[in-house]
Amino acid sequence: MDLFHQNPGAKISILFSIAVAICFFGFSACKGGAGNSEGDAEQGDGQQKMIQMVAEIAKKINTPRNRYAAEAKLALYDSLATVVKTPAKRSP
């Protein structure tokens, strides 16, 4: 601790060095590392997984019971109207 009392600028330079290191490692972790083709493949897999998840969620919430899913309600009412217009043929 005598180092900081003798040289007040040492505390600032150490904190600055730590901040730069955190930023460097943070950015390299976000990009998957420089020249890391495995990181790009993992990112592509993650993107595909996210696309699949969003598609599954969209399929689950696109039902006529969802009051905001107008297209699903339209499809339901259209199918009901088609059934009413064409009566079922009964065989004797």
PDB file of N, CA and C in Angstrom:
ATOM      1  N   MET A   1       0.805  -1.195   0.000  1.00  0.00           N
ATOM      2  CA  MET A   1       0.000   0.000   0.000  1.00  0.00           C
ATOM      3  C   MET A   1       0.852   1.265   0.000  1.00  0.00           C
ATOM      4  N   ASP A   2       2.127   1.153   0.337  1.00  0.00           N
ATOM      5  CA  ASP A   2       2.993   2.334   0.312  1.00  0.00           C
ATOM      6  C   ASP A   2       3.218   2.817  -1.115  1.00  0.00           C
ATOM      7  N   LEU A   3       3.042   1.936  -2.090  1.00  0.00           N
ATOM      8  CA  LEU A   3       3.228   2.310  -3.487  1.00  0.00           C
ATOM      9  C   LEU A   3       2.239   3.407  -3.886  1.00  0.00           C
ATOM     10  N   PHE A   4       1.003   3.289  -3.432  1.00  0.00           N
ATOM     11  CA  PHE A   4      -0.012   4.272  -3.808  1.00  0.00           C
ATOM     12  C   PHE A   4       0.208   5.610  -3.097  1.00  0.00           C
ATOM     13  N   HIS A   5       0.751   5.581  -1.887  1.00  0.00           N
ATOM     14  CA  HIS A   5       1.017   6.830  -1.176  1.00  0.00           C
ATOM     15  C   HIS A   5       2.219   7.553  -1.766  1.00  0.00           C
ATOM     16  N   GLN A   6       3.203   6.805  -2.219  1.00  0.00           N
ATOM     17  CA  GLN A   6       4.396   7.423  -2.796  1.00  0.00           C
ATOM     18  C   GLN A   6       4.141   7.918  -4.215  1.00  0.00           C
ATOM     19  N   ASN A   7       3.348   7.194  -4.981  1.00  0.00           N
ATOM     20  CA  ASN A   7       3.091   7.553  -6.370  1.00  0.00           C
ATOM     21  C   ASN A   7       1.580   7.555  -6.598  1.00  0.00           C
ATOM     22  N   PRO A   8       0.913   8.710  -6.468  1.00  0.00           N
ATOM     23  CA  PRO A   8      -0.551   8.745  -6.606  1.00  0.00           C
ATOM     24  C   PRO A   8      -1.021   8.391  -8.019  1.00  0.00           C
ATOM     25  N   GLY A   9      -0.211   8.552  -9.036  1.00  0.00           N
ATOM     26  CA  GLY A   9      -0.601   8.213 -10.401  1.00  0.00           C
ATOM     27  C   GLY A   9      -0.598   6.725 -10.668  1.00  0.00           C
ATOM     28  N   ALA A  10       0.022   5.932  -9.796  1.00  0.00           N
ATOM     29  CA  ALA A  10       0.091   4.484  -9.991  1.00  0.00           C
ATOM     30  C   ALA A  10      -1.294   3.860  -9.875  1.00  0.00           C
ATOM     31  N   LYS A  11      -2.117   4.363  -8.982  1.00  0.00           N
ATOM     32  CA  LYS A  11      -3.463   3.832  -8.800  1.00  0.00           C
ATOM     33  C   LYS A  11      -4.283   4.041 -10.071  1.00  0.00           C
ATOM     34  N   ILE A  12      -4.170   5.218 -10.659  1.00  0.00           N
ATOM     35  CA  ILE A  12      -4.925   5.526 -11.868  1.00  0.00           C
ATOM     36  C   ILE A  12      -4.435   4.680 -13.033  1.00  0.00           C
ATOM     37  N   SER A  13      -3.121   4.519 -13.170  1.00  0.00           N
ATOM     38  CA  SER A  13      -2.604   3.730 -14.291  1.00  0.00           C
ATOM     39  C   SER A  13      -2.979   2.256 -14.164  1.00  0.00           C
ATOM     40  N   ILE A  14      -3.017   1.736 -12.943  1.00  0.00           N
ATOM     41  CA  ILE A  14      -3.415   0.342 -12.749  1.00  0.00           C
ATOM     42  C   ILE A  14      -4.893   0.168 -13.087  1.00  0.00           C
ATOM     43  N   LEU A  15      -5.726   1.096 -12.634  1.00  0.00           N
ATOM     44  CA  LEU A  15      -7.154   1.013 -12.936  1.00  0.00           C
ATOM     45  C   LEU A  15      -7.405   1.151 -14.433  1.00  0.00           C
ATOM     46  N   PHE A  16      -6.661   2.035 -15.084  1.00  0.00           N
ATOM     47  CA  PHE A  16      -6.795   2.204 -16.526  1.00  0.00           C
ATOM     48  C   PHE A  16      -6.380   0.933 -17.261  1.00  0.00           C
ATOM     49  N   SER A  17      -5.297   0.310 -16.825  1.00  0.00           N
ATOM     50  CA  SER A  17      -4.832  -0.934 -17.445  1.00  0.00           C
ATOM     51  C   SER A  17      -5.868  -2.041 -17.286  1.00  0.00           C
ATOM     52  N   ILE A  18      -6.483  -2.128 -16.126  1.00  0.00           N
ATOM     53  CA  ILE A  18      -7.521  -3.140 -15.897  1.00  0.00           C
ATOM     54  C   ILE A  18      -8.727  -2.880 -16.785  1.00  0.00           C
ATOM     55  N   ALA A  19      -9.124  -1.603 -16.916  1.00  0.00           N
ATOM     56  CA  ALA A  19     -10.273  -1.266 -17.763  1.00  0.00           C
ATOM     57  C   ALA A  19     -10.003  -1.601 -19.219  1.00  0.00           C
ATOM     58  N   VAL A  20      -8.799  -1.332 -19.697  1.00  0.00           N
ATOM     59  CA  VAL A  20      -8.445  -1.654 -21.081  1.00  0.00           C
ATOM     60  C   VAL A  20      -8.460  -3.167 -21.291  1.00  0.00           C
ATOM     61  N   ALA A  21      -7.948  -3.912 -20.337  1.00  0.00           N
ATOM     62  CA  ALA A  21      -7.930  -5.371 -20.453  1.00  0.00           C
ATOM     63  C   ALA A  21      -9.353  -5.932 -20.483  1.00  0.00           C
ATOM     64  N   ILE A  22     -10.228  -5.407 -19.638  1.00  0.00           N
ATOM     65  CA  ILE A  22     -11.617  -5.869 -19.614  1.00  0.00           C
ATOM     66  C   ILE A  22     -12.292  -5.575 -20.946  1.00  0.00           C
ATOM     67  N   CYS A  23     -12.088  -4.382 -21.481  1.00  0.00           N
ATOM     68  CA  CYS A  23     -12.683  -4.029 -22.776  1.00  0.00           C
ATOM     69  C   CYS A  23     -12.150  -4.928 -23.887  1.00  0.00           C
ATOM     70  N   PHE A  24     -10.850  -5.175 -23.890  1.00  0.00           N
ATOM     71  CA  PHE A  24     -10.257  -6.017 -24.936  1.00  0.00           C
ATOM     72  C   PHE A  24     -10.827  -7.429 -24.893  1.00  0.00           C
ATOM     73  N   PHE A  25     -10.843  -8.024 -23.705  1.00  0.00           N
ATOM     74  CA  PHE A  25     -11.345  -9.381 -23.600  1.00  0.00           C
ATOM     75  C   PHE A  25     -12.850  -9.442 -23.830  1.00  0.00           C
ATOM     76  N   GLY A  26     -13.555  -8.397 -23.450  1.00  0.00           N
ATOM     77  CA  GLY A  26     -14.994  -8.357 -23.700  1.00  0.00           C
ATOM     78  C   GLY A  26     -15.315  -8.314 -25.175  1.00  0.00           C
ATOM     79  N   PHE A  27     -14.599  -7.473 -25.937  1.00  0.00           N
ATOM     80  CA  PHE A  27     -14.842  -7.386 -27.373  1.00  0.00           C
ATOM     81  C   PHE A  27     -14.394  -8.651 -28.094  1.00  0.00           C
ATOM     82  N   SER A  28     -13.294  -9.230 -27.668  1.00  0.00           N
ATOM     83  CA  SER A  28     -12.843 -10.451 -28.346  1.00  0.00           C
ATOM     84  C   SER A  28     -13.785 -11.610 -28.038  1.00  0.00           C
ATOM     85  N   ALA A  29     -14.389 -11.625 -26.862  1.00  0.00           N
ATOM     86  CA  ALA A  29     -15.345 -12.684 -26.532  1.00  0.00           C
ATOM     87  C   ALA A  29     -16.627 -12.522 -27.340  1.00  0.00           C
ATOM     88  N   CYS A  30     -17.040 -11.291 -27.592  1.00  0.00           N
ATOM     89  CA  CYS A  30     -18.259 -11.058 -28.379  1.00  0.00           C
ATOM     90  C   CYS A  30     -18.072 -11.476 -29.822  1.00  0.00           C
ATOM     91  N   LYS A  31     -16.880 -11.271 -30.355  1.00  0.00           N
ATOM     92  CA  LYS A  31     -16.630 -11.624 -31.749  1.00  0.00           C
ATOM     93  C   LYS A  31     -16.219 -13.075 -31.903  1.00  0.00           C
ATOM     94  N   GLY A  32     -16.011 -13.784 -30.850  1.00  0.00           N
ATOM     95  CA  GLY A  32     -15.588 -15.177 -30.929  1.00  0.00           C
ATOM     96  C   GLY A  32     -14.097 -15.314 -31.147  1.00  0.00           C
ATOM     97  N   GLY A  33     -13.344 -14.264 -30.924  1.00  0.00           N
ATOM     98  CA  GLY A  33     -11.901 -14.311 -31.098  1.00  0.00           C
ATOM     99  C   GLY A  33     -11.512 -13.977 -32.521  1.00  0.00           C
ATOM    100  N   ALA A  34     -10.335 -13.397 -32.680  1.00  0.00           N
ATOM    101  CA  ALA A  34      -9.862 -13.003 -34.000  1.00  0.00           C
ATOM    102  C   ALA A  34      -9.405 -14.226 -34.772  1.00  0.00           C
ATOM    103  N   GLY A  35      -9.914 -14.413 -35.973  1.00  0.00           N
ATOM    104  CA  GLY A  35      -9.495 -15.520 -36.820  1.00  0.00           C
ATOM    105  C   GLY A  35      -9.954 -16.877 -36.322  1.00  0.00           C
ATOM    106  N   ASN A  36     -10.993 -16.915 -35.547  1.00  0.00           N
ATOM    107  CA  ASN A  36     -11.475 -18.166 -34.981  1.00  0.00           C
ATOM    108  C   ASN A  36     -12.649 -18.655 -35.813  1.00  0.00           C
ATOM    109  N   SER A  37     -12.393 -19.601 -36.701  1.00  0.00           N
ATOM    110  CA  SER A  37     -13.468 -20.106 -37.551  1.00  0.00           C
ATOM    111  C   SER A  37     -14.469 -20.930 -36.751  1.00  0.00           C
ATOM    112  N   GLU A  38     -14.024 -21.528 -35.657  1.00  0.00           N
ATOM    113  CA  GLU A  38     -14.947 -22.275 -34.812  1.00  0.00           C
ATOM    114  C   GLU A  38     -15.946 -21.339 -34.173  1.00  0.00           C
ATOM    115  N   GLY A  39     -15.514 -20.146 -33.800  1.00  0.00           N
ATOM    116  CA  GLY A  39     -16.418 -19.164 -33.218  1.00  0.00           C
ATOM    117  C   GLY A  39     -17.479 -18.739 -34.210  1.00  0.00           C
ATOM    118  N   ASP A  40     -17.088 -18.612 -35.498  1.00  0.00           N
ATOM    119  CA  ASP A  40     -18.056 -18.267 -36.530  1.00  0.00           C
ATOM    120  C   ASP A  40     -19.066 -19.391 -36.715  1.00  0.00           C
ATOM    121  N   ALA A  41     -18.603 -20.643 -36.663  1.00  0.00           N
ATOM    122  CA  ALA A  41     -19.509 -21.781 -36.802  1.00  0.00           C
ATOM    123  C   ALA A  41     -20.467 -21.843 -35.621  1.00  0.00           C
ATOM    124  N   GLU A  42     -19.949 -21.588 -34.428  1.00  0.00           N
ATOM    125  CA  GLU A  42     -20.811 -21.590 -33.248  1.00  0.00           C
ATOM    126  C   GLU A  42     -21.827 -20.466 -33.334  1.00  0.00           C
ATOM    127  N   GLN A  43     -21.405 -19.312 -33.844  1.00  0.00           N
ATOM    128  CA  GLN A  43     -22.329 -18.190 -33.975  1.00  0.00           C
ATOM    129  C   GLN A  43     -23.412 -18.533 -34.992  1.00  0.00           C
ATOM    130  N   GLY A  44     -23.043 -19.185 -36.084  1.00  0.00           N
ATOM    131  CA  GLY A  44     -24.019 -19.604 -37.080  1.00  0.00           C
ATOM    132  C   GLY A  44     -24.999 -20.611 -36.506  1.00  0.00           C
ATOM    133  N   ASP A  45     -24.497 -21.551 -35.702  1.00  0.00           N
ATOM    134  CA  ASP A  45     -25.367 -22.524 -35.053  1.00  0.00           C
ATOM    135  C   ASP A  45     -26.309 -21.824 -34.086  1.00  0.00           C
ATOM    136  N   GLY A  46     -25.796 -20.851 -33.367  1.00  0.00           N
ATOM    137  CA  GLY A  46     -26.627 -20.104 -32.432  1.00  0.00           C
ATOM    138  C   GLY A  46     -27.708 -19.309 -33.150  1.00  0.00           C
ATOM    139  N   GLN A  47     -27.352 -18.757 -34.301  1.00  0.00           N
ATOM    140  CA  GLN A  47     -28.347 -18.013 -35.072  1.00  0.00           C
ATOM    141  C   GLN A  47     -29.438 -18.947 -35.592  1.00  0.00           C
ATOM    142  N   GLN A  48     -29.046 -20.109 -36.082  1.00  0.00           N
ATOM    143  CA  GLN A  48     -30.033 -21.068 -36.574  1.00  0.00           C
ATOM    144  C   GLN A  48     -30.937 -21.544 -35.441  1.00  0.00           C
ATOM    145  N   LYS A  49     -30.356 -21.747 -34.278  1.00  0.00           N
ATOM    146  CA  LYS A  49     -31.142 -22.183 -33.127  1.00  0.00           C
ATOM    147  C   LYS A  49     -32.147 -21.105 -32.735  1.00  0.00           C
ATOM    148  N   MET A  50     -31.710 -19.839 -32.772  1.00  0.00           N
ATOM    149  CA  MET A  50     -32.610 -18.746 -32.425  1.00  0.00           C
ATOM    150  C   MET A  50     -33.734 -18.623 -33.461  1.00  0.00           C
ATOM    151  N   ILE A  51     -33.411 -18.797 -34.734  1.00  0.00           N
ATOM    152  CA  ILE A  51     -34.426 -18.742 -35.785  1.00  0.00           C
ATOM    153  C   ILE A  51     -35.456 -19.850 -35.583  1.00  0.00           C
ATOM    154  N   GLN A  52     -34.999 -21.048 -35.242  1.00  0.00           N
ATOM    155  CA  GLN A  52     -35.920 -22.157 -34.985  1.00  0.00           C
ATOM    156  C   GLN A  52     -36.803 -21.877 -33.779  1.00  0.00           C
ATOM    157  N   MET A  53     -36.212 -21.312 -32.727  1.00  0.00           N
ATOM    158  CA  MET A  53     -36.995 -21.002 -31.532  1.00  0.00           C
ATOM    159  C   MET A  53     -38.071 -19.966 -31.834  1.00  0.00           C
ATOM    160  N   VAL A  54     -37.721 -18.931 -32.583  1.00  0.00           N
ATOM    161  CA  VAL A  54     -38.688 -17.889 -32.920  1.00  0.00           C
ATOM    162  C   VAL A  54     -39.806 -18.468 -33.790  1.00  0.00           C
ATOM    163  N   ALA A  55     -39.453 -19.354 -34.720  1.00  0.00           N
ATOM    164  CA  ALA A  55     -40.470 -19.977 -35.573  1.00  0.00           C
ATOM    165  C   ALA A  55     -41.422 -20.841 -34.743  1.00  0.00           C
ATOM    166  N   GLU A  56     -40.883 -21.586 -33.779  1.00  0.00           N
ATOM    167  CA  GLU A  56     -41.726 -22.415 -32.916  1.00  0.00           C
ATOM    168  C   GLU A  56     -42.667 -21.563 -32.077  1.00  0.00           C
ATOM    169  N   ILE A  57     -42.163 -20.472 -31.544  1.00  0.00           N
ATOM    170  CA  ILE A  57     -42.993 -19.586 -30.732  1.00  0.00           C
ATOM    171  C   ILE A  57     -44.075 -18.946 -31.592  1.00  0.00           C
ATOM    172  N   ALA A  58     -43.718 -18.525 -32.805  1.00  0.00           N
ATOM    173  CA  ALA A  58     -44.709 -17.925 -33.700  1.00  0.00           C
ATOM    174  C   ALA A  58     -45.810 -18.927 -34.029  1.00  0.00           C
ATOM    175  N   LYS A  59     -45.421 -20.194 -34.216  1.00  0.00           N
ATOM    176  CA  LYS A  59     -46.420 -21.218 -34.512  1.00  0.00           C
ATOM    177  C   LYS A  59     -47.339 -21.444 -33.311  1.00  0.00           C
ATOM    178  N   LYS A  60     -46.779 -21.418 -32.108  1.00  0.00           N
ATOM    179  CA  LYS A  60     -47.579 -21.649 -30.906  1.00  0.00           C
ATOM    180  C   LYS A  60     -48.569 -20.521 -30.642  1.00  0.00           C
ATOM    181  N   ILE A  61     -48.186 -19.288 -30.905  1.00  0.00           N
ATOM    182  CA  ILE A  61     -49.073 -18.170 -30.569  1.00  0.00           C
ATOM    183  C   ILE A  61     -50.009 -17.793 -31.708  1.00  0.00           C
ATOM    184  N   ASN A  62     -49.820 -18.370 -32.888  1.00  0.00           N
ATOM    185  CA  ASN A  62     -50.669 -18.054 -34.026  1.00  0.00           C
ATOM    186  C   ASN A  62     -51.874 -18.990 -34.033  1.00  0.00           C
ATOM    187  N   THR A  63     -52.760 -18.814 -33.061  1.00  0.00           N
ATOM    188  CA  THR A  63     -53.961 -19.626 -32.948  1.00  0.00           C
ATOM    189  C   THR A  63     -55.181 -18.709 -32.922  1.00  0.00           C
ATOM    190  N   PRO A  64     -56.335 -19.221 -33.264  1.00  0.00           N
ATOM    191  CA  PRO A  64     -57.535 -18.383 -33.243  1.00  0.00           C
ATOM    192  C   PRO A  64     -57.902 -17.879 -31.840  1.00  0.00           C
ATOM    193  N   ARG A  65     -57.443 -18.569 -30.809  1.00  0.00           N
ATOM    194  CA  ARG A  65     -57.744 -18.109 -29.447  1.00  0.00           C
ATOM    195  C   ARG A  65     -56.939 -16.872 -29.053  1.00  0.00           C
ATOM    196  N   ASN A  66     -55.861 -16.588 -29.783  1.00  0.00           N
ATOM    197  CA  ASN A  66     -55.073 -15.386 -29.529  1.00  0.00           C
ATOM    198  C   ASN A  66     -55.800 -14.205 -30.159  1.00  0.00           C
ATOM    199  N   ARG A  67     -56.217 -13.257 -29.361  1.00  0.00           N
ATOM    200  CA  ARG A  67     -57.020 -12.156 -29.880  1.00  0.00           C
ATOM    201  C   ARG A  67     -56.246 -11.256 -30.838  1.00  0.00           C
ATOM    202  N   TYR A  68     -54.936 -11.311 -30.829  1.00  0.00           N
ATOM    203  CA  TYR A  68     -54.136 -10.478 -31.712  1.00  0.00           C
ATOM    204  C   TYR A  68     -53.718 -11.194 -32.994  1.00  0.00           C
ATOM    205  N   ALA A  69     -54.055 -12.447 -33.141  1.00  0.00           N
ATOM    206  CA  ALA A  69     -53.685 -13.214 -34.328  1.00  0.00           C
ATOM    207  C   ALA A  69     -54.838 -13.159 -35.335  1.00  0.00           C
ATOM    208  N   ALA A  70     -54.909 -12.063 -36.070  1.00  0.00           N
ATOM    209  CA  ALA A  70     -56.017 -11.852 -37.009  1.00  0.00           C
ATOM    210  C   ALA A  70     -55.991 -12.860 -38.151  1.00  0.00           C
ATOM    211  N   GLU A  71     -54.811 -13.218 -38.624  1.00  0.00           N
ATOM    212  CA  GLU A  71     -54.724 -14.163 -39.738  1.00  0.00           C
ATOM    213  C   GLU A  71     -55.237 -15.538 -39.341  1.00  0.00           C
ATOM    214  N   ALA A  72     -54.950 -15.961 -38.116  1.00  0.00           N
ATOM    215  CA  ALA A  72     -55.426 -17.264 -37.658  1.00  0.00           C
ATOM    216  C   ALA A  72     -56.945 -17.250 -37.516  1.00  0.00           C
ATOM    217  N   LYS A  73     -57.510 -16.154 -37.015  1.00  0.00           N
ATOM    218  CA  LYS A  73     -58.963 -16.052 -36.905  1.00  0.00           C
ATOM    219  C   LYS A  73     -59.607 -16.035 -38.287  1.00  0.00           C
ATOM    220  N   LEU A  74     -59.001 -15.319 -39.224  1.00  0.00           N
ATOM    221  CA  LEU A  74     -59.533 -15.265 -40.581  1.00  0.00           C
ATOM    222  C   LEU A  74     -59.546 -16.650 -41.210  1.00  0.00           C
ATOM    223  N   ALA A  75     -58.488 -17.411 -41.010  1.00  0.00           N
ATOM    224  CA  ALA A  75     -58.437 -18.774 -41.554  1.00  0.00           C
ATOM    225  C   ALA A  75     -59.521 -19.648 -40.924  1.00  0.00           C
ATOM    226  N   LEU A  76     -59.751 -19.490 -39.617  1.00  0.00           N
ATOM    227  CA  LEU A  76     -60.783 -20.268 -38.937  1.00  0.00           C
ATOM    228  C   LEU A  76     -62.156 -19.917 -39.481  1.00  0.00           C
ATOM    229  N   TYR A  77     -62.464 -18.627 -39.558  1.00  0.00           N
ATOM    230  CA  TYR A  77     -63.781 -18.213 -40.031  1.00  0.00           C
ATOM    231  C   TYR A  77     -63.983 -18.567 -41.502  1.00  0.00           C
ATOM    232  N   ASP A  78     -62.927 -18.511 -42.282  1.00  0.00           N
ATOM    233  CA  ASP A  78     -63.018 -18.900 -43.686  1.00  0.00           C
ATOM    234  C   ASP A  78     -63.341 -20.384 -43.802  1.00  0.00           C
ATOM    235  N   SER A  79     -62.696 -21.201 -42.993  1.00  0.00           N
ATOM    236  CA  SER A  79     -62.971 -22.641 -43.044  1.00  0.00           C
ATOM    237  C   SER A  79     -64.386 -22.936 -42.551  1.00  0.00           C
ATOM    238  N   LEU A  80     -64.858 -22.206 -41.553  1.00  0.00           N
ATOM    239  CA  LEU A  80     -66.229 -22.401 -41.076  1.00  0.00           C
ATOM    240  C   LEU A  80     -67.238 -21.984 -42.142  1.00  0.00           C
ATOM    241  N   ALA A  81     -66.963 -20.896 -42.832  1.00  0.00           N
ATOM    242  CA  ALA A  81     -67.867 -20.443 -43.894  1.00  0.00           C
ATOM    243  C   ALA A  81     -67.895 -21.447 -45.035  1.00  0.00           C
ATOM    244  N   THR A  82     -66.766 -22.046 -45.336  1.00  0.00           N
ATOM    245  CA  THR A  82     -66.710 -23.043 -46.398  1.00  0.00           C
ATOM    246  C   THR A  82     -67.517 -24.273 -46.023  1.00  0.00           C
ATOM    247  N   VAL A  83     -67.470 -24.679 -44.777  1.00  0.00           N
ATOM    248  CA  VAL A  83     -68.211 -25.846 -44.313  1.00  0.00           C
ATOM    249  C   VAL A  83     -69.696 -25.573 -44.377  1.00  0.00           C
ATOM    250  N   VAL A  84     -70.125 -24.361 -44.025  1.00  0.00           N
ATOM    251  CA  VAL A  84     -71.552 -24.018 -44.027  1.00  0.00           C
ATOM    252  C   VAL A  84     -72.081 -23.946 -45.464  1.00  0.00           C
ATOM    253  N   LYS A  85     -71.276 -23.435 -46.394  1.00  0.00           N
ATOM    254  CA  LYS A  85     -71.714 -23.304 -47.789  1.00  0.00           C
ATOM    255  C   LYS A  85     -71.860 -24.640 -48.476  1.00  0.00           C
ATOM    256  N   THR A  86     -71.056 -25.602 -48.148  1.00  0.00           N
ATOM    257  CA  THR A  86     -71.121 -26.905 -48.804  1.00  0.00           C
ATOM    258  C   THR A  86     -71.650 -27.931 -47.800  1.00  0.00           C
ATOM    259  N   PRO A  87     -72.932 -28.209 -47.869  1.00  0.00           N
ATOM    260  CA  PRO A  87     -73.489 -29.186 -46.920  1.00  0.00           C
ATOM    261  C   PRO A  87     -72.928 -30.579 -47.173  1.00  0.00           C
ATOM    262  N   ALA A  88     -72.829 -31.325 -46.124  1.00  0.00           N
ATOM    263  CA  ALA A  88     -72.287 -32.678 -46.229  1.00  0.00           C
ATOM    264  C   ALA A  88     -73.293 -33.578 -46.925  1.00  0.00           C
ATOM    265  N   LYS A  89     -72.798 -34.407 -47.811  1.00  0.00           N
ATOM    266  CA  LYS A  89     -73.659 -35.358 -48.511  1.00  0.00           C
ATOM    267  C   LYS A  89     -73.831 -36.576 -47.620  1.00  0.00           C
ATOM    268  N   ARG A  90     -75.074 -36.912 -47.417  1.00  0.00           N
ATOM    269  CA  ARG A  90     -75.368 -38.077 -46.578  1.00  0.00           C
ATOM    270  C   ARG A  90     -75.716 -39.250 -47.454  1.00  0.00           C
ATOM    271  N   SER A  91     -75.152 -40.328 -47.163  1.00  0.00           N
ATOM    272  CA  SER A  91     -75.475 -41.545 -47.934  1.00  0.00           C
ATOM    273  C   SER A  91     -76.551 -42.320 -47.209  1.00  0.00           C
ATOM    274  N   PRO A  92     -77.498 -42.873 -47.963  1.00  0.00           N
ATOM    275  CA  PRO A  92     -78.617 -43.602 -47.311  1.00  0.00           C
ATOM    276  C   PRO A  92     -78.254 -44.902 -46.702  1.00  0.00           C
TER     277      PRO A  92
END
